[in-house]
Amino acid sequence: MQGDVPMVVGEMMLEIDVVVIGGGPGGYVAAIRAADLGKSVIIVEEREKLGGTCLLEGCIPSKTLIHAVSLADEFRHSEKIGLVHGDISFDIPKLRKWTSSVVDSLTSGIDTLVTKRNIDIVRGHARFLDKHKLHIEGANTRIQFKNAIIATGSRINELPGDYDLPLWSSAEALKIPEVPDKLLVVGGGYIGMEMGLVYSGLGSQVTMVEFMPSLLAGADP
């Protein structure tokens, strides 16, 4: 977004070689590479943590949950090899805490990679003032730069709120708000399939709805 924003008293001005807008896997990797090539670098990121959708609310938490339910399923079918056990169930608060700890350990690793290269992080929303200047909304900061890398990724569409039943995005579902008796998953791509697998493993009766003739349409056979 471009437009004139008046300079305000106390606003900080930073000068840098490369500014990277977005701290996801595209952004922080580009920032690290630029720093390794000798450039001064700033990452502008709105979220509290680096890592982007995949790490914070996508493939990492989903794979962590899949590992948990797969392990439980393996135990449930282990009597044939002589392993005796009682009923297998989940402590959902502990499961949430464990999933968060996995995410936190990986974000901590990214922070270490960024810090050791003297890459600065500015929290806020970047707005272009011209082709070499940014205003960071929420940080009271302007950045003068030589080169910019835009790696903002995407975000989930807002869901309508006029339904009688709970309606979750995939990011909300990964937080395990509850384990419903029945769950309808709209979309049979890899995200929908992972959500179905997780909640089925947790005990929900899952139904998948997909527009295409088959699930995982377009995936390699």
C-alpha atoms as a PDB file:
ATOM      1  CA  MET A   1       0.000   0.000   0.000  1.00  0.00           C
ATOM      2  CA  GLN A   2       1.382   3.408  -0.925  1.00  0.00           C
ATOM      3  CA  GLY A   3       0.530   6.811   0.417  1.00  0.00           C
ATOM      4  CA  ASP A   4       1.920   9.760   2.317  1.00  0.00           C
ATOM      5  CA  VAL A   5       2.061   9.389   6.089  1.00  0.00           C
ATOM      6  CA  PRO A   6       3.235  12.519   7.944  1.00  0.00           C
ATOM      7  CA  MET A   7       6.326  12.076  10.122  1.00  0.00           C
ATOM      8  CA  VAL A   8       5.352  12.261  13.777  1.00  0.00           C
ATOM      9  CA  VAL A   9       7.427  13.444  16.729  1.00  0.00           C
ATOM     10  CA  GLY A  10       9.372  10.552  18.251  1.00  0.00           C
ATOM     11  CA  GLU A  11       9.061   8.319  15.194  1.00  0.00           C
ATOM     12  CA  MET A  12      12.189   6.224  14.632  1.00  0.00           C
ATOM     13  CA  MET A  13      13.932   6.187  11.231  1.00  0.00           C
ATOM     14  CA  LEU A  14      15.999   3.120  10.352  1.00  0.00           C
ATOM     15  CA  GLU A  15      18.295   2.757   7.337  1.00  0.00           C
ATOM     16  CA  ILE A  16      19.016  -0.706   5.977  1.00  0.00           C
ATOM     17  CA  ASP A  17      20.217  -2.581   2.888  1.00  0.00           C
ATOM     18  CA  VAL A  18      17.384  -5.113   2.714  1.00  0.00           C
ATOM     19  CA  VAL A  19      13.968  -5.113   4.340  1.00  0.00           C
ATOM     20  CA  VAL A  20      11.985  -8.353   4.305  1.00  0.00           C
ATOM     21  CA  ILE A  21       8.235  -8.015   4.776  1.00  0.00           C
ATOM     22  CA  GLY A  22       6.994 -11.230   6.308  1.00  0.00           C
ATOM     23  CA  GLY A  23       8.666 -13.637   8.720  1.00  0.00           C
ATOM     24  CA  GLY A  24       7.471 -16.938   7.293  1.00  0.00           C
ATOM     25  CA  PRO A  25       9.601 -19.607   5.576  1.00  0.00           C
ATOM     26  CA  GLY A  26      10.068 -17.406   2.515  1.00  0.00           C
ATOM     27  CA  GLY A  27      10.869 -14.281   4.488  1.00  0.00           C
ATOM     28  CA  TYR A  28      13.205 -15.455   7.236  1.00  0.00           C
ATOM     29  CA  VAL A  29      15.171 -17.713   4.858  1.00  0.00           C
ATOM     30  CA  ALA A  30      15.632 -14.790   2.443  1.00  0.00           C
ATOM     31  CA  ALA A  31      16.699 -12.572   5.335  1.00  0.00           C
ATOM     32  CA  ILE A  32      19.271 -15.118   6.510  1.00  0.00           C
ATOM     33  CA  ARG A  33      20.658 -15.464   2.993  1.00  0.00           C
ATOM     34  CA  ALA A  34      20.937 -11.704   2.551  1.00  0.00           C
ATOM     35  CA  ALA A  35      22.719 -11.389   5.904  1.00  0.00           C
ATOM     36  CA  ASP A  36      25.122 -14.183   4.956  1.00  0.00           C
ATOM     37  CA  LEU A  37      25.967 -12.173   1.825  1.00  0.00           C
ATOM     38  CA  GLY A  38      26.953  -9.221   3.977  1.00  0.00           C
ATOM     39  CA  LYS A  39      23.774  -7.126   3.826  1.00  0.00           C
ATOM     40  CA  SER A  40      22.164  -5.347   6.752  1.00  0.00           C
ATOM     41  CA  VAL A  41      18.655  -6.765   7.122  1.00  0.00           C
ATOM     42  CA  ILE A  42      15.376  -6.035   8.896  1.00  0.00           C
ATOM     43  CA  ILE A  43      12.381  -8.365   9.011  1.00  0.00           C
ATOM     44  CA  VAL A  44       8.963  -6.742   9.409  1.00  0.00           C
ATOM     45  CA  GLU A  45       6.449  -9.161  10.912  1.00  0.00           C
ATOM     46  CA  GLU A  46       3.013  -8.586  12.425  1.00  0.00           C
ATOM     47  CA  ARG A  47       2.923 -11.762  14.495  1.00  0.00           C
ATOM     48  CA  GLU A  48       4.637 -12.271  17.822  1.00  0.00           C
ATOM     49  CA  LYS A  49       6.698 -15.172  16.441  1.00  0.00           C
ATOM     50  CA  LEU A  50       8.543 -15.891  13.212  1.00  0.00           C
ATOM     51  CA  GLY A  51       7.728 -19.005  11.199  1.00  0.00           C
ATOM     52  CA  GLY A  52       4.603 -18.162   9.247  1.00  0.00           C
ATOM     53  CA  THR A  53       1.479 -20.223   8.718  1.00  0.00           C
ATOM     54  CA  CYS A  54       3.206 -23.582   8.261  1.00  0.00           C
ATOM     55  CA  LEU A  55       5.034 -23.449  11.565  1.00  0.00           C
ATOM     56  CA  LEU A  56       2.523 -21.563  13.699  1.00  0.00           C
ATOM     57  CA  GLU A  57      -0.855 -22.827  12.515  1.00  0.00           C
ATOM     58  CA  GLY A  58      -0.309 -25.305   9.693  1.00  0.00           C
ATOM     59  CA  CYS A  59       1.877 -28.273   8.872  1.00  0.00           C
ATOM     60  CA  ILE A  60       3.945 -28.370  12.083  1.00  0.00           C
ATOM     61  CA  PRO A  61       1.094 -28.468  14.625  1.00  0.00           C
ATOM     62  CA  SER A  62      -0.926 -30.746  12.329  1.00  0.00           C
ATOM     63  CA  LYS A  63       1.935 -33.271  11.997  1.00  0.00           C
ATOM     64  CA  THR A  64       2.469 -33.109  15.759  1.00  0.00           C
ATOM     65  CA  LEU A  65      -1.173 -33.985  16.385  1.00  0.00           C
ATOM     66  CA  ILE A  66      -1.123 -36.695  13.719  1.00  0.00           C
ATOM     67  CA  HIS A  67       1.877 -38.259  15.455  1.00  0.00           C
ATOM     68  CA  ALA A  68      -0.070 -38.321  18.740  1.00  0.00           C
ATOM     69  CA  VAL A  69      -3.205 -39.941  17.317  1.00  0.00           C
ATOM     70  CA  SER A  70      -1.141 -42.389  15.246  1.00  0.00           C
ATOM     71  CA  LEU A  71       0.725 -43.462  18.368  1.00  0.00           C
ATOM     72  CA  ALA A  72      -2.565 -44.002  20.194  1.00  0.00           C
ATOM     73  CA  ASP A  73      -3.928 -46.021  17.275  1.00  0.00           C
ATOM     74  CA  GLU A  74      -0.794 -48.185  17.263  1.00  0.00           C
ATOM     75  CA  PHE A  75      -1.259 -48.946  20.949  1.00  0.00           C
ATOM     76  CA  ARG A  76      -4.927 -49.809  20.420  1.00  0.00           C
ATOM     77  CA  HIS A  77      -3.902 -52.466  17.900  1.00  0.00           C
ATOM     78  CA  SER A  78      -0.904 -53.790  19.808  1.00  0.00           C
ATOM     79  CA  GLU A  79      -2.530 -56.663  21.712  1.00  0.00           C
ATOM     80  CA  LYS A  80      -1.783 -59.000  18.797  1.00  0.00           C
ATOM     81  CA  ILE A  81       1.926 -58.675  19.628  1.00  0.00           C
ATOM     82  CA  GLY A  82       1.313 -59.308  23.310  1.00  0.00           C
ATOM     83  CA  LEU A  83       1.218 -55.735  24.621  1.00  0.00           C
ATOM     84  CA  VAL A  84      -1.446 -55.484  27.322  1.00  0.00           C
ATOM     85  CA  HIS A  85      -2.884 -52.048  28.112  1.00  0.00           C
ATOM     86  CA  GLY A  86      -6.015 -50.356  29.320  1.00  0.00           C
ATOM     87  CA  ASP A  87      -8.206 -47.906  27.442  1.00  0.00           C
ATOM     88  CA  ILE A  88      -6.292 -45.286  25.473  1.00  0.00           C
ATOM     89  CA  SER A  89      -7.586 -41.727  25.834  1.00  0.00           C
ATOM     90  CA  PHE A  90      -6.271 -38.184  25.506  1.00  0.00           C
ATOM     91  CA  ASP A  91      -5.768 -35.430  28.045  1.00  0.00           C
ATOM     92  CA  ILE A  92      -6.650 -32.589  25.667  1.00  0.00           C
ATOM     93  CA  PRO A  93      -5.049 -29.738  27.680  1.00  0.00           C
ATOM     94  CA  LYS A  94      -1.784 -31.712  27.820  1.00  0.00           C
ATOM     95  CA  LEU A  95      -2.038 -32.440  24.091  1.00  0.00           C
ATOM     96  CA  ARG A  96      -2.459 -28.725  23.377  1.00  0.00           C
ATOM     97  CA  LYS A  97       0.504 -27.903  25.623  1.00  0.00           C
ATOM     98  CA  TRP A  98       2.725 -30.507  23.939  1.00  0.00           C
ATOM     99  CA  THR A  99       1.817 -29.249  20.471  1.00  0.00           C
ATOM    100  CA  SER A 100       2.622 -25.678  21.528  1.00  0.00           C
ATOM    101  CA  SER A 101       5.968 -26.807  22.959  1.00  0.00           C
ATOM    102  CA  VAL A 102       6.941 -28.351  19.605  1.00  0.00           C
ATOM    103  CA  VAL A 103       6.066 -25.116  17.795  1.00  0.00           C
ATOM    104  CA  ASP A 104       7.893 -23.024  20.398  1.00  0.00           C
ATOM    105  CA  SER A 105      11.071 -25.086  20.092  1.00  0.00           C
ATOM    106  CA  LEU A 106      11.153 -24.526  16.330  1.00  0.00           C
ATOM    107  CA  THR A 107      10.414 -20.800  16.551  1.00  0.00           C
ATOM    108  CA  SER A 108      13.194 -20.541  19.113  1.00  0.00           C
ATOM    109  CA  GLY A 109      15.540 -22.133  16.591  1.00  0.00           C
ATOM    110  CA  ILE A 110      14.580 -19.537  13.978  1.00  0.00           C
ATOM    111  CA  ASP A 111      15.140 -16.739  16.489  1.00  0.00           C
ATOM    112  CA  THR A 112      18.635 -18.089  17.133  1.00  0.00           C
ATOM    113  CA  LEU A 113      19.482 -18.197  13.416  1.00  0.00           C
ATOM    114  CA  VAL A 114      18.238 -14.635  12.965  1.00  0.00           C
ATOM    115  CA  THR A 115      19.876 -13.214  16.091  1.00  0.00           C
ATOM    116  CA  LYS A 116      23.332 -14.635  15.379  1.00  0.00           C
ATOM    117  CA  ARG A 117      23.278 -12.802  12.035  1.00  0.00           C
ATOM    118  CA  ASN A 118      22.328  -9.469  13.631  1.00  0.00           C
ATOM    119  CA  ILE A 119      19.013  -9.364  11.748  1.00  0.00           C
ATOM    120  CA  ASP A 120      16.607  -6.925  13.406  1.00  0.00           C
ATOM    121  CA  ILE A 121      12.887  -7.625  13.708  1.00  0.00           C
ATOM    122  CA  VAL A 122      10.289  -4.842  13.660  1.00  0.00           C
ATOM    123  CA  ARG A 123       6.781  -5.829  14.740  1.00  0.00           C
ATOM    124  CA  GLY A 124       3.959  -4.187  12.828  1.00  0.00           C
ATOM    125  CA  HIS A 125       2.236  -3.740   9.490  1.00  0.00           C
ATOM    126  CA  ALA A 126       4.401  -2.437   6.629  1.00  0.00           C
ATOM    127  CA  ARG A 127       3.072   0.298   4.374  1.00  0.00           C
ATOM    128  CA  PHE A 128       5.056   1.585   1.402  1.00  0.00           C
ATOM    129  CA  LEU A 129       5.529   5.353   1.333  1.00  0.00           C
ATOM    130  CA  ASP A 130       7.628   5.224  -1.843  1.00  0.00           C
ATOM    131  CA  LYS A 131       9.912   2.725  -3.563  1.00  0.00           C
ATOM    132  CA  HIS A 132      12.585   3.010  -0.868  1.00  0.00           C
ATOM    133  CA  LYS A 133      10.686   3.849   2.290  1.00  0.00           C
ATOM    134  CA  LEU A 134       8.270   2.039   4.602  1.00  0.00           C
ATOM    135  CA  HIS A 135       6.057   3.165   7.442  1.00  0.00           C
ATOM    136  CA  ILE A 136       5.517   0.452  10.064  1.00  0.00           C
ATOM    137  CA  GLU A 137       2.080   0.799  11.576  1.00  0.00           C
ATOM    138  CA  GLY A 138       2.074  -0.237  15.214  1.00  0.00           C
ATOM    139  CA  ALA A 139       5.824   0.299  15.690  1.00  0.00           C
ATOM    140  CA  ASN A 140       6.160   4.090  15.335  1.00  0.00           C
ATOM    141  CA  THR A 141       8.958   3.418  12.846  1.00  0.00           C
ATOM    142  CA  ARG A 142      10.019   4.266   9.302  1.00  0.00           C
ATOM    143  CA  ILE A 143      12.517   2.209   7.327  1.00  0.00           C
ATOM    144  CA  GLN A 144      14.688   3.555   4.527  1.00  0.00           C
ATOM    145  CA  PHE A 145      15.917   0.619   2.428  1.00  0.00           C
ATOM    146  CA  LYS A 146      17.834  -0.170  -0.742  1.00  0.00           C
ATOM    147  CA  ASN A 147      15.989  -3.388  -1.587  1.00  0.00           C
ATOM    148  CA  ALA A 148      12.736  -4.955  -0.387  1.00  0.00           C
ATOM    149  CA  ILE A 149      11.569  -8.557  -0.384  1.00  0.00           C
ATOM    150  CA  ILE A 150       7.816  -9.072  -0.061  1.00  0.00           C
ATOM    151  CA  ALA A 151       7.045 -12.459   1.493  1.00  0.00           C
ATOM    152  CA  THR A 152       3.689 -11.827   3.134  1.00  0.00           C
ATOM    153  CA  GLY A 153       2.126 -15.186   2.320  1.00  0.00           C
ATOM    154  CA  SER A 154      -1.636 -15.512   2.695  1.00  0.00           C
ATOM    155  CA  ARG A 155      -4.282 -15.654   5.384  1.00  0.00           C
ATOM    156  CA  ILE A 156      -7.442 -17.669   5.938  1.00  0.00           C
ATOM    157  CA  ASN A 157     -10.660 -16.051   4.735  1.00  0.00           C
ATOM    158  CA  GLU A 158     -12.941 -14.847   7.491  1.00  0.00           C
ATOM    159  CA  LEU A 159     -15.751 -17.317   8.130  1.00  0.00           C
ATOM    160  CA  PRO A 160     -19.389 -16.205   8.328  1.00  0.00           C
ATOM    161  CA  GLY A 161     -20.699 -16.129  11.856  1.00  0.00           C
ATOM    162  CA  ASP A 162     -24.405 -16.748  11.220  1.00  0.00           C
ATOM    163  CA  TYR A 163     -24.444 -20.513  11.873  1.00  0.00           C
ATOM    164  CA  ASP A 164     -26.104 -22.314  14.779  1.00  0.00           C
ATOM    165  CA  LEU A 165     -23.254 -24.866  15.004  1.00  0.00           C
ATOM    166  CA  PRO A 166     -19.593 -24.131  15.818  1.00  0.00           C
ATOM    167  CA  LEU A 167     -17.623 -23.255  12.677  1.00  0.00           C
ATOM    168  CA  TRP A 168     -13.824 -23.468  12.745  1.00  0.00           C
ATOM    169  CA  SER A 169     -11.072 -22.544  10.353  1.00  0.00           C
ATOM    170  CA  SER A 170      -8.240 -25.049  10.039  1.00  0.00           C
ATOM    171  CA  ALA A 171      -6.098 -22.854  12.305  1.00  0.00           C
ATOM    172  CA  GLU A 172      -8.817 -22.853  14.970  1.00  0.00           C
ATOM    173  CA  ALA A 173      -9.322 -26.614  14.616  1.00  0.00           C
ATOM    174  CA  LEU A 174      -5.614 -27.199  15.295  1.00  0.00           C
ATOM    175  CA  LYS A 175      -6.091 -25.656  18.738  1.00  0.00           C
ATOM    176  CA  ILE A 176      -8.567 -28.480  19.585  1.00  0.00           C
ATOM    177  CA  PRO A 177     -11.330 -26.244  21.039  1.00  0.00           C
ATOM    178  CA  GLU A 178     -13.241 -29.451  21.814  1.00  0.00           C
ATOM    179  CA  VAL A 179     -13.628 -33.000  20.525  1.00  0.00           C
ATOM    180  CA  PRO A 180     -17.143 -33.126  19.072  1.00  0.00           C
ATOM    181  CA  ASP A 181     -19.073 -36.365  18.664  1.00  0.00           C
ATOM    182  CA  LYS A 182     -19.509 -35.567  14.958  1.00  0.00           C
ATOM    183  CA  LEU A 183     -17.426 -33.337  12.713  1.00  0.00           C
ATOM    184  CA  LEU A 184     -17.985 -32.221   9.120  1.00  0.00           C
ATOM    185  CA  VAL A 185     -14.788 -31.306   7.256  1.00  0.00           C
ATOM    186  CA  VAL A 186     -15.405 -29.191   4.148  1.00  0.00           C
ATOM    187  CA  GLY A 187     -12.566 -29.718   1.708  1.00  0.00           C
ATOM    188  CA  GLY A 188     -10.730 -32.929   0.903  1.00  0.00           C
ATOM    189  CA  GLY A 189      -7.288 -31.473   0.224  1.00  0.00           C
ATOM    190  CA  TYR A 190      -4.314 -32.235   2.412  1.00  0.00           C
ATOM    191  CA  ILE A 191      -5.394 -29.769   5.122  1.00  0.00           C
ATOM    192  CA  GLY A 192      -8.877 -31.240   5.323  1.00  0.00           C
ATOM    193  CA  MET A 193      -7.536 -34.781   5.312  1.00  0.00           C
ATOM    194  CA  GLU A 194      -5.148 -33.983   8.153  1.00  0.00           C
ATOM    195  CA  MET A 195      -7.948 -32.415  10.194  1.00  0.00           C
ATOM    196  CA  GLY A 196     -10.139 -35.457   9.555  1.00  0.00           C
ATOM    197  CA  LEU A 197      -7.356 -37.813  10.605  1.00  0.00           C
ATOM    198  CA  VAL A 198      -6.638 -35.880  13.806  1.00  0.00           C
ATOM    199  CA  TYR A 199     -10.246 -35.635  14.967  1.00  0.00           C
ATOM    200  CA  SER A 200     -11.052 -39.197  13.991  1.00  0.00           C
ATOM    201  CA  GLY A 201      -8.084 -40.289  16.082  1.00  0.00           C
ATOM    202  CA  LEU A 202      -9.371 -38.192  18.979  1.00  0.00           C
ATOM    203  CA  GLY A 203     -12.752 -39.916  18.813  1.00  0.00           C
ATOM    204  CA  SER A 204     -14.974 -37.826  16.541  1.00  0.00           C
ATOM    205  CA  GLN A 205     -17.111 -39.343  13.810  1.00  0.00           C
ATOM    206  CA  VAL A 206     -15.774 -37.463  10.786  1.00  0.00           C
ATOM    207  CA  THR A 207     -17.522 -36.821   7.473  1.00  0.00           C
ATOM    208  CA  MET A 208     -15.610 -35.317   4.543  1.00  0.00           C
ATOM    209  CA  VAL A 209     -17.178 -33.110   1.864  1.00  0.00           C
ATOM    210  CA  GLU A 210     -15.224 -32.481  -1.334  1.00  0.00           C
ATOM    211  CA  PHE A 211     -16.228 -30.751  -4.589  1.00  0.00           C
ATOM    212  CA  MET A 212     -13.851 -32.780  -6.777  1.00  0.00           C
ATOM    213  CA  PRO A 213     -14.518 -36.431  -7.753  1.00  0.00           C
ATOM    214  CA  SER A 214     -11.812 -37.680  -5.384  1.00  0.00           C
ATOM    215  CA  LEU A 215      -9.990 -36.688  -2.234  1.00  0.00           C
ATOM    216  CA  LEU A 216      -6.531 -35.130  -2.527  1.00  0.00           C
ATOM    217  CA  ALA A 217      -7.302 -34.081  -6.096  1.00  0.00           C
ATOM    218  CA  GLY A 218      -4.171 -32.997  -7.904  1.00  0.00           C
ATOM    219  CA  ALA A 219      -1.810 -34.805  -5.550  1.00  0.00           C
ATOM    220  CA  ASP A 220       0.845 -37.103  -6.948  1.00  0.00           C
ATOM    221  CA  PRO A 221      -0.473 -40.686  -7.176  1.00  0.00           C
END
